[in-house]
Protein backbone atom coordinates (compact mmCIF):
# COMPACT_ATOMS: atom_id res chain seq x y z
CA MET A 1 14.39 -11.52 16.42
CA THR A 2 11.18 -13.47 16.48
CA LEU A 3 8.17 -11.93 14.76
CA THR A 4 6.78 -11.05 18.19
CA GLU A 5 10.00 -9.31 19.22
CA GLN A 6 10.18 -7.42 15.94
CA PHE A 7 6.57 -6.29 16.30
CA SER A 8 7.05 -5.14 19.90
CA ALA A 9 10.14 -3.12 19.03
CA LEU A 10 8.45 -1.49 16.03
CA ASP A 11 5.32 -0.78 18.05
CA SER A 12 7.32 1.00 20.74
CA LEU A 13 9.28 3.04 18.20
CA LEU A 14 6.19 4.13 16.30
CA MET A 15 4.44 5.08 19.52
CA ASN A 16 7.38 7.22 20.64
CA THR A 17 7.80 8.99 17.29
CA ARG A 18 4.17 9.55 16.31
CA LEU A 19 4.49 13.37 16.41
CA TYR A 20 6.63 13.00 13.27
CA TRP A 21 4.27 10.84 11.21
CA GLN A 22 0.76 10.94 12.66
CA CYS A 23 -0.16 14.29 11.13
CA THR A 24 -1.50 15.75 7.87
CA ALA A 25 1.00 17.70 5.79
CA PHE A 26 -1.59 20.09 4.31
CA ASP A 27 -2.46 21.35 7.80
CA PHE A 28 0.83 23.24 8.17
CA ASP A 29 1.80 26.67 6.90
CA ALA A 30 5.25 26.26 8.47
CA LEU A 31 7.41 23.33 9.55
CA PRO A 32 6.05 22.01 12.87
CA TRP A 33 9.34 20.67 14.29
CA PRO A 34 11.83 23.38 15.43
CA GLU A 35 14.69 20.86 15.58
CA LEU A 36 14.18 20.00 11.89
CA HIS A 37 13.68 23.53 10.59
CA ALA A 38 17.30 24.18 9.62
CA PRO A 39 18.10 20.85 7.89
CA LEU A 40 14.76 20.75 6.04
CA SER A 41 14.99 24.37 4.91
CA ALA A 42 18.50 23.75 3.59
CA LEU A 43 17.28 21.00 1.25
CA SER A 44 16.63 21.95 -2.36
CA ASP A 45 13.47 20.63 -4.01
CA GLN A 46 15.65 18.24 -6.02
CA ALA A 47 17.31 16.96 -2.84
CA VAL A 48 13.89 16.39 -1.27
CA ALA A 49 12.82 14.33 -4.30
CA GLU A 50 16.04 12.29 -4.27
CA LEU A 51 15.78 11.54 -0.55
CA ASP A 52 12.14 10.58 -0.94
CA SER A 53 13.03 7.98 -3.56
CA ASP A 54 15.61 6.20 -1.36
CA GLN A 55 14.42 4.85 1.98
CA GLU A 56 17.90 4.03 3.26
CA GLN A 57 19.08 7.56 2.48
CA LEU A 58 16.06 8.88 4.37
CA TYR A 59 17.09 6.88 7.43
CA GLN A 60 20.66 8.11 7.23
CA PHE A 61 19.69 11.76 6.80
CA PHE A 62 17.19 11.89 9.67
CA SER A 63 19.04 9.66 12.16
CA SER A 64 21.14 12.71 13.14
CA TYR A 65 18.00 14.62 14.14
CA ILE A 66 15.56 11.89 15.29
CA PRO A 67 17.59 9.35 17.32
CA ALA A 68 15.03 6.54 17.03
CA VAL A 69 15.49 6.48 13.25
CA GLU A 70 18.84 4.73 13.73
CA GLN A 71 16.89 1.56 14.62
CA LEU A 72 14.48 1.64 11.69
CA SER A 73 16.60 0.02 9.00
CA ARG A 74 17.12 -3.02 11.25
CA LEU A 75 13.53 -3.21 12.49
CA VAL A 76 11.93 -3.12 9.04
CA SER A 77 14.44 -5.52 7.53
CA LEU A 78 12.89 -8.69 6.11
CA PRO A 79 14.71 -11.66 4.57
CA ALA A 80 14.54 -11.84 0.80
CA ILE A 81 13.54 -15.03 -0.95
CA THR A 82 15.99 -15.43 -3.81
CA ASN A 83 15.23 -17.76 -6.67
CA THR A 84 16.09 -18.15 -10.31
CA ARG A 85 13.37 -16.47 -12.32
CA LYS A 86 11.66 -19.21 -14.33
CA GLU A 87 11.01 -18.62 -18.00
CA TYR A 88 7.51 -19.25 -19.37
CA PRO A 89 6.22 -19.78 -22.90
CA PHE A 90 5.08 -16.57 -24.61
CA TRP A 91 1.40 -17.51 -24.42
CA ILE A 92 1.43 -17.52 -20.62
CA SER A 93 2.46 -13.86 -20.60
CA ASN A 94 -0.10 -12.76 -23.20
CA GLY A 95 -2.05 -9.77 -21.87
CA ILE A 96 0.28 -9.18 -18.89
CA LYS A 97 2.33 -5.98 -18.94
CA GLY A 98 6.09 -6.38 -18.55
CA ARG A 99 6.68 -5.33 -14.95
CA LYS A 100 3.52 -7.10 -13.76
CA PHE A 101 4.63 -10.35 -15.40
CA THR A 102 8.04 -10.13 -13.70
CA GLN A 103 6.28 -9.59 -10.34
CA LEU A 104 4.25 -12.73 -10.99
CA GLN A 105 7.36 -14.71 -11.91
CA ASP A 106 9.05 -13.71 -8.65
CA PHE A 107 5.92 -14.29 -6.56
CA VAL A 108 5.36 -17.77 -8.01
CA GLY A 109 9.06 -18.58 -7.63
CA ALA A 110 8.91 -17.68 -3.93
CA LEU A 111 5.98 -20.01 -3.14
CA PRO A 112 6.55 -23.40 -1.55
CA THR A 113 6.73 -26.23 -4.08
CA SER A 114 3.41 -28.03 -4.13
CA ASN A 115 1.03 -29.80 -6.48
CA GLN A 116 -1.95 -29.22 -4.16
CA PRO A 117 -5.15 -27.74 -5.56
CA VAL A 118 -4.88 -23.95 -5.52
CA LEU A 119 -7.45 -21.36 -4.46
CA GLU A 120 -6.58 -18.05 -6.14
CA TRP A 121 -8.17 -15.13 -4.28
CA CYS A 122 -9.24 -11.86 -5.97
CA ALA A 123 -7.95 -13.40 -9.17
CA GLY A 124 -8.72 -10.81 -11.84
CA LYS A 125 -8.18 -12.63 -15.12
CA GLY A 126 -6.38 -15.46 -13.33
CA HIS A 127 -2.82 -14.67 -14.49
CA LEU A 128 -1.36 -16.05 -11.25
CA GLY A 129 -3.57 -19.13 -11.38
CA ARG A 130 -2.55 -19.90 -14.96
CA MET A 131 1.12 -19.78 -14.02
CA LEU A 132 0.52 -22.11 -11.07
CA ALA A 133 -1.50 -24.49 -13.25
CA PHE A 134 1.30 -24.48 -15.82
CA ASN A 135 3.75 -25.30 -13.00
CA GLY A 136 1.83 -28.43 -12.05
CA ALA A 137 -0.91 -27.45 -9.59
CA GLN A 138 -3.44 -30.26 -9.51
CA SER A 139 -6.23 -27.73 -10.19
CA VAL A 140 -6.87 -24.03 -9.71
CA HIS A 141 -10.05 -22.37 -8.46
CA SER A 142 -9.96 -18.63 -9.18
CA VAL A 143 -12.37 -16.36 -7.32
CA GLU A 144 -13.09 -12.88 -8.70
CA LEU A 145 -15.74 -10.18 -8.23
CA GLN A 146 -16.04 -8.92 -11.81
CA SER A 147 -17.85 -11.32 -14.11
CA HIS A 148 -16.19 -10.03 -17.31
CA LEU A 149 -12.74 -10.78 -15.83
CA CYS A 150 -13.94 -14.28 -14.95
CA GLU A 151 -15.08 -14.77 -18.54
CA GLN A 152 -11.79 -13.52 -19.97
CA GLY A 153 -9.81 -15.72 -17.57
CA LYS A 154 -11.93 -18.77 -18.34
CA LYS A 155 -11.44 -18.24 -22.07
CA SER A 156 -7.64 -17.94 -21.70
CA ALA A 157 -7.46 -21.08 -19.53
CA GLN A 158 -9.50 -23.08 -22.04
CA GLN A 159 -7.37 -21.91 -24.96
CA GLN A 160 -4.21 -22.88 -23.09
CA GLY A 161 -5.55 -26.23 -21.86
CA LEU A 162 -5.12 -25.38 -18.16
CA ALA A 163 -7.21 -26.86 -15.34
CA ILE A 164 -8.78 -23.68 -13.96
CA GLN A 165 -12.35 -22.95 -12.89
CA PHE A 166 -13.66 -19.48 -12.08
CA SER A 167 -16.24 -18.39 -9.50
CA GLN A 168 -17.74 -14.92 -9.58
CA ALA A 169 -18.26 -13.76 -5.99
CA ASP A 170 -18.32 -10.72 -3.75
CA VAL A 171 -16.01 -12.12 -1.09
CA LEU A 172 -17.08 -9.48 1.46
CA LYS A 173 -20.80 -10.32 1.18
CA ASP A 174 -21.31 -13.79 -0.27
CA ASN A 175 -21.05 -17.13 1.52
CA ILE A 176 -17.51 -18.16 0.63
CA GLN A 177 -16.76 -20.86 3.21
CA ASP A 178 -17.04 -23.68 0.69
CA PHE A 179 -14.18 -22.23 -1.37
CA PHE A 180 -11.71 -23.27 1.35
CA SER A 181 -10.81 -26.85 2.17
CA SER A 182 -8.27 -28.73 4.25
CA HIS A 183 -6.25 -29.81 1.18
CA THR A 184 -5.91 -26.47 -0.61
CA HIS A 185 -3.04 -24.03 -1.09
CA ALA A 186 -4.67 -20.59 -0.73
CA VAL A 187 -2.85 -17.79 -2.59
CA ALA A 188 -3.46 -14.07 -3.11
CA LEU A 189 -1.30 -11.44 -4.76
CA HIS A 190 -2.06 -7.84 -3.78
CA ALA A 191 -5.57 -8.35 -2.44
CA CYS A 192 -6.57 -5.09 -0.77
CA GLY A 193 -7.52 -4.37 2.83
CA ALA A 194 -10.52 -6.36 4.03
CA LEU A 195 -10.23 -8.62 0.98
CA HIS A 196 -7.02 -10.20 2.26
CA GLN A 197 -8.21 -10.07 5.88
CA THR A 198 -11.32 -12.06 4.93
CA PHE A 199 -9.05 -14.45 3.03
CA MET A 200 -6.95 -14.95 6.18
CA HIS A 201 -9.97 -15.49 8.43
CA GLN A 202 -11.61 -18.03 6.12
CA ALA A 203 -8.42 -19.90 5.22
CA SER A 204 -7.29 -20.29 8.82
CA ALA A 205 -10.80 -21.28 9.99
CA ALA A 206 -10.83 -24.03 7.34
CA LYS A 207 -7.34 -25.15 8.42
CA VAL A 208 -6.01 -24.72 4.90
CA PRO A 209 -2.54 -26.32 5.01
CA GLN A 210 -0.73 -23.56 3.06
CA ILE A 211 -1.54 -19.82 2.96
CA SER A 212 0.61 -17.57 0.78
CA PHE A 213 -0.22 -13.93 0.13
CA SER A 214 1.09 -10.44 -0.44
CA PRO A 215 -1.13 -7.77 1.18
CA CYS A 216 -1.87 -4.38 -0.33
CA CYS A 217 -3.88 -1.17 0.31
CA TYR A 218 -4.49 -1.87 3.99
CA HIS A 219 -7.18 0.81 4.36
CA LEU A 220 -9.58 -0.34 1.66
CA PHE A 221 -13.01 -1.74 2.62
CA THR A 222 -12.23 -1.24 6.32
CA ASP A 223 -13.35 1.05 9.15
CA ASN A 224 -11.51 4.36 9.44
CA ASN A 225 -10.13 3.26 12.82
CA TYR A 226 -7.87 0.25 12.29
CA GLN A 227 -9.07 -2.98 13.89
CA ALA A 228 -6.02 -4.99 14.93
CA MET A 229 -6.03 -8.71 14.08
CA SER A 230 -3.55 -10.26 16.51
CA GLU A 231 -3.62 -10.22 20.30
CA HIS A 232 -0.31 -8.35 20.37
CA ALA A 233 -1.58 -5.56 18.11
CA GLN A 234 -4.83 -5.35 20.04
CA GLN A 235 -2.76 -4.46 23.11
CA SER A 236 -0.93 -1.67 21.28
CA ARG A 237 -1.55 1.95 22.26
CA LEU A 238 -1.27 3.05 18.64
CA ASN A 239 -4.54 4.31 17.21
CA LEU A 240 -4.18 4.05 13.46
CA THR A 241 -6.62 5.60 10.98
CA HIS A 242 -6.99 5.40 7.21
CA ARG A 243 -4.62 8.36 6.92
CA ASP A 244 -1.91 6.38 8.71
CA LEU A 245 -2.56 3.23 6.70
CA LYS A 246 -2.30 5.20 3.45
CA LEU A 247 1.12 6.45 4.59
CA ALA A 248 2.33 2.84 4.41
CA LEU A 249 1.63 2.91 0.65
CA GLN A 250 3.45 6.12 -0.22
CA GLU A 251 6.68 4.52 -1.37
CA THR A 252 6.17 4.23 -5.10
CA VAL A 253 8.02 3.25 -8.20
CA THR A 254 9.01 6.45 -10.03
CA ALA A 255 6.04 7.91 -11.90
CA PRO A 256 6.38 9.30 -15.44
CA SER A 257 7.66 12.88 -15.42
CA ARG A 258 4.42 14.18 -16.97
CA VAL A 259 2.43 12.72 -14.06
CA GLY A 260 4.86 14.33 -11.62
CA LYS A 261 4.44 17.75 -13.23
CA VAL A 262 0.65 17.55 -13.11
CA ARG A 263 0.81 16.49 -9.46
CA LYS A 264 3.10 19.45 -8.66
CA THR A 265 0.61 21.87 -10.24
CA GLU A 266 -2.32 20.20 -8.48
CA VAL A 267 -0.76 20.54 -5.03
CA GLU A 268 0.22 24.18 -5.62
CA TRP A 269 -3.25 25.08 -6.86
CA ARG A 270 -5.09 23.26 -4.08
CA LEU A 271 -2.94 24.96 -1.45
CA GLY A 272 -3.31 28.32 -3.20
CA PHE A 273 -7.09 27.98 -3.25
CA ASP A 274 -7.01 26.98 0.40
CA ALA A 275 -5.15 30.21 1.22
CA LEU A 276 -7.77 32.15 -0.76
CA ARG A 277 -10.62 30.39 1.04
CA LYS A 278 -9.06 31.13 4.43
CA SER A 279 -8.68 34.81 3.54
CA LEU A 280 -12.38 35.04 2.74
CA THR A 281 -13.81 32.90 5.55
CA GLY A 282 -11.33 33.47 8.39
CA GLU A 283 -11.18 29.69 8.93
CA LEU A 284 -7.80 28.25 9.91
CA GLY A 285 -7.81 24.52 9.08
CA TYR A 286 -7.20 23.01 5.67
CA VAL A 287 -10.36 21.94 3.83
CA SER A 288 -10.02 19.59 0.88
CA VAL A 289 -11.88 19.94 -2.39
CA PRO A 290 -13.09 16.93 -4.39
CA SER A 291 -11.00 14.97 -6.85
CA VAL A 292 -11.26 16.23 -10.39
CA ASN A 293 -10.21 15.30 -13.91
CA LYS A 294 -6.52 16.20 -14.24
CA ALA A 295 -7.26 18.16 -17.43
CA ILE A 296 -8.33 21.08 -15.24
CA PHE A 297 -4.70 21.60 -14.23
CA SER A 298 -3.79 22.54 -17.79
CA ASP A 299 -6.23 25.46 -17.54
CA SER A 300 -5.61 28.53 -15.38
CA PHE A 301 -5.29 28.85 -11.62
CA ALA A 302 -8.19 31.33 -11.66
CA ALA A 303 -10.42 28.81 -13.44
CA PHE A 304 -9.50 26.14 -10.88
CA CYS A 305 -10.33 28.53 -8.01
CA ASN A 306 -13.74 29.27 -9.50
CA TRP A 307 -14.44 25.55 -9.90
CA ALA A 308 -13.30 24.81 -6.32
CA ALA A 309 -15.29 27.75 -4.92
CA GLU A 310 -18.43 26.42 -6.59
CA LYS A 311 -17.82 23.00 -5.01
CA LYS A 312 -17.48 24.67 -1.59
CA ALA A 313 -20.46 27.00 -2.11
CA LEU A 314 -18.10 29.97 -1.75
CA LYS A 315 -18.81 33.23 -3.58
CA LEU A 316 -15.62 34.83 -4.92
CA PRO A 317 -15.25 38.62 -5.23
CA LYS A 318 -14.29 39.98 -8.65
CA ASP A 319 -11.06 41.76 -7.63
CA ILE A 320 -9.02 38.74 -6.48
CA ASP A 321 -5.25 38.86 -6.97
CA TYR A 322 -4.94 35.23 -8.11
CA ASN A 323 -1.18 35.46 -8.57
CA LYS A 324 -0.76 36.40 -4.89
CA PHE A 325 -2.54 33.24 -3.79
CA LEU A 326 -0.74 31.09 -6.34
CA LEU A 327 2.57 32.27 -4.85
CA ILE A 328 1.28 31.37 -1.38
CA GLY A 329 0.35 27.92 -2.71
CA GLN A 330 3.82 27.45 -4.18
CA ALA A 331 5.46 28.42 -0.87
CA ARG A 332 3.15 26.12 1.09
CA LYS A 333 3.95 23.29 -1.29
CA LYS A 334 7.59 23.51 -0.20
CA VAL A 335 6.48 23.12 3.43
CA THR A 336 4.11 20.28 2.55
CA GLU A 337 6.83 18.36 0.68
CA ARG A 338 9.19 18.61 3.63
CA VAL A 339 6.54 17.55 6.14
CA GLU A 340 5.76 14.58 3.90
CA LEU A 341 9.45 13.76 3.69
CA VAL A 342 9.59 13.40 7.48
CA ARG A 343 6.43 11.30 7.51
CA HIS A 344 7.88 9.07 4.80
CA VAL A 345 10.74 8.07 7.10
CA PHE A 346 8.16 5.88 8.87
CA ARG A 347 6.13 4.58 5.91
CA ARG A 348 7.84 1.19 5.66
CA ALA A 349 7.75 0.82 9.46
CA ILE A 350 3.97 1.20 9.45
CA GLU A 351 3.63 -1.33 6.65
CA VAL A 352 5.84 -3.87 8.43
CA TRP A 353 3.84 -3.27 11.66
CA LEU A 354 0.63 -4.08 9.74
CA VAL A 355 2.18 -7.14 8.10
CA LEU A 356 3.47 -8.46 11.43
CA ASP A 357 -0.02 -8.02 12.90
CA ARG A 358 -1.25 -10.37 10.17
CA ALA A 359 1.60 -12.83 10.66
CA LEU A 360 1.05 -12.97 14.43
CA TYR A 361 -2.66 -13.54 13.88
CA LEU A 362 -1.90 -16.58 11.73
CA GLN A 363 0.52 -17.85 14.36
CA GLN A 364 -2.33 -17.70 16.87
CA GLN A 365 -4.41 -19.84 14.49
CA GLY A 366 -1.83 -22.61 14.58
CA TYR A 367 0.46 -21.79 11.67
CA ASP A 368 4.21 -21.58 11.26
CA VAL A 369 4.68 -18.19 9.63
CA SER A 370 7.49 -16.43 7.81
CA VAL A 371 7.55 -12.88 6.48
CA ASN A 372 9.82 -12.22 3.49
CA THR A 373 10.24 -10.08 0.41
CA PHE A 374 9.68 -11.78 -2.93
CA CYS A 375 10.98 -9.14 -5.37
CA GLU A 376 12.93 -5.90 -5.60
CA LYS A 377 11.18 -2.64 -4.73
CA GLN A 378 11.74 -1.44 -8.29
CA LEU A 379 9.17 -4.02 -9.40
CA THR A 380 6.71 -3.11 -6.65
CA PRO A 381 7.10 -1.55 -3.19
CA ARG A 382 4.35 -3.96 -2.11
CA ASN A 383 6.87 -6.78 -2.15
CA ILE A 384 6.15 -8.49 1.18
CA LEU A 385 5.11 -12.15 1.17
CA ILE A 386 3.51 -13.92 4.14
CA LEU A 387 3.93 -17.72 4.06
CA ALA A 388 1.95 -19.78 6.55
CA SER A 389 2.02 -23.56 6.97
CA LEU A 390 -0.40 -25.34 9.26
CA LYS A 391 1.40 -27.05 12.11
CA THR A 392 0.91 -30.79 12.22
CA PRO A 393 -0.44 -32.13 15.54
CA SER A 394 2.35 -33.53 17.70
CA THR A 395 2.12 -37.25 18.19
């Protein structure tokens, strides 16, 4: 398939299946799909967790109940760039945590070979730029918002004798056109939302010969209603919001068990409080309460309810049966997890749809574009790499 064909097929599938993914799990007291009630109810909590951690198993399980799912594995498939992971001297990896350094090794190894000057976007401390400079980039210009990260990156580059300069800039507000030139390789690893969209706009407008980036967090710094980039996506009937874009990010590397236990308690308590609130107000819809320090979830459910009630300006009577509402929260959590499991069938499809929108946009700007994966999901689920090379004018 061409990128256009892949996008069109995914777009059609997502449009036809949106009742399964374009919803909010906390809104439901019971499973909303009668045809899925029996198979979802038969799953143990452990089975739900195991399915959720394996996208291919998710496809296989639900393809018997949602026919369109049979196509998903093929439609979200992207070619993997395989390369021998280059070893670096110990000082290059100083200050980079193990899994992050391996991501960087694989990302750098997947880039086209070039000694062009490099523009490193949303650079942080410039870890990526230092690796590219070590590999022979003529020079590296690293752009970063936070001045203290620029200072730390500059110090590391000087100590290591690498040709890197830093610019502190707010790339969403400042004049950044001069950062891009017609002889630069523009790179970005995991720039979020509008940060990588701005990068794409500016790089393609400057006719940068090589653009290489891995997008992340598609909802950040953007309007709630998704603004499509390519002409093909602008013609789509899908109306994506931040909630849908966040769904694309919900495939994660396994969290520590302690974090998982706290999250379990948090969901149960939030849903339990919601049941209590509904019983007092007569309101039907779920209403969220603000984020809070996780230490509160080592206290009591009653204490959490009193905190949440204060945040919602709700006066609680003294004779509340807190255990009753905690049990309701625990039962609702089982429903929520199973609704989320169904939504997660489509999480990679939404991400690939968003990535293809970006790839097709760059094609429109005159680039040859490929979409690949640069590392295994165990390193990062955000493992998609867009490579764009400016087409040379035909003679």
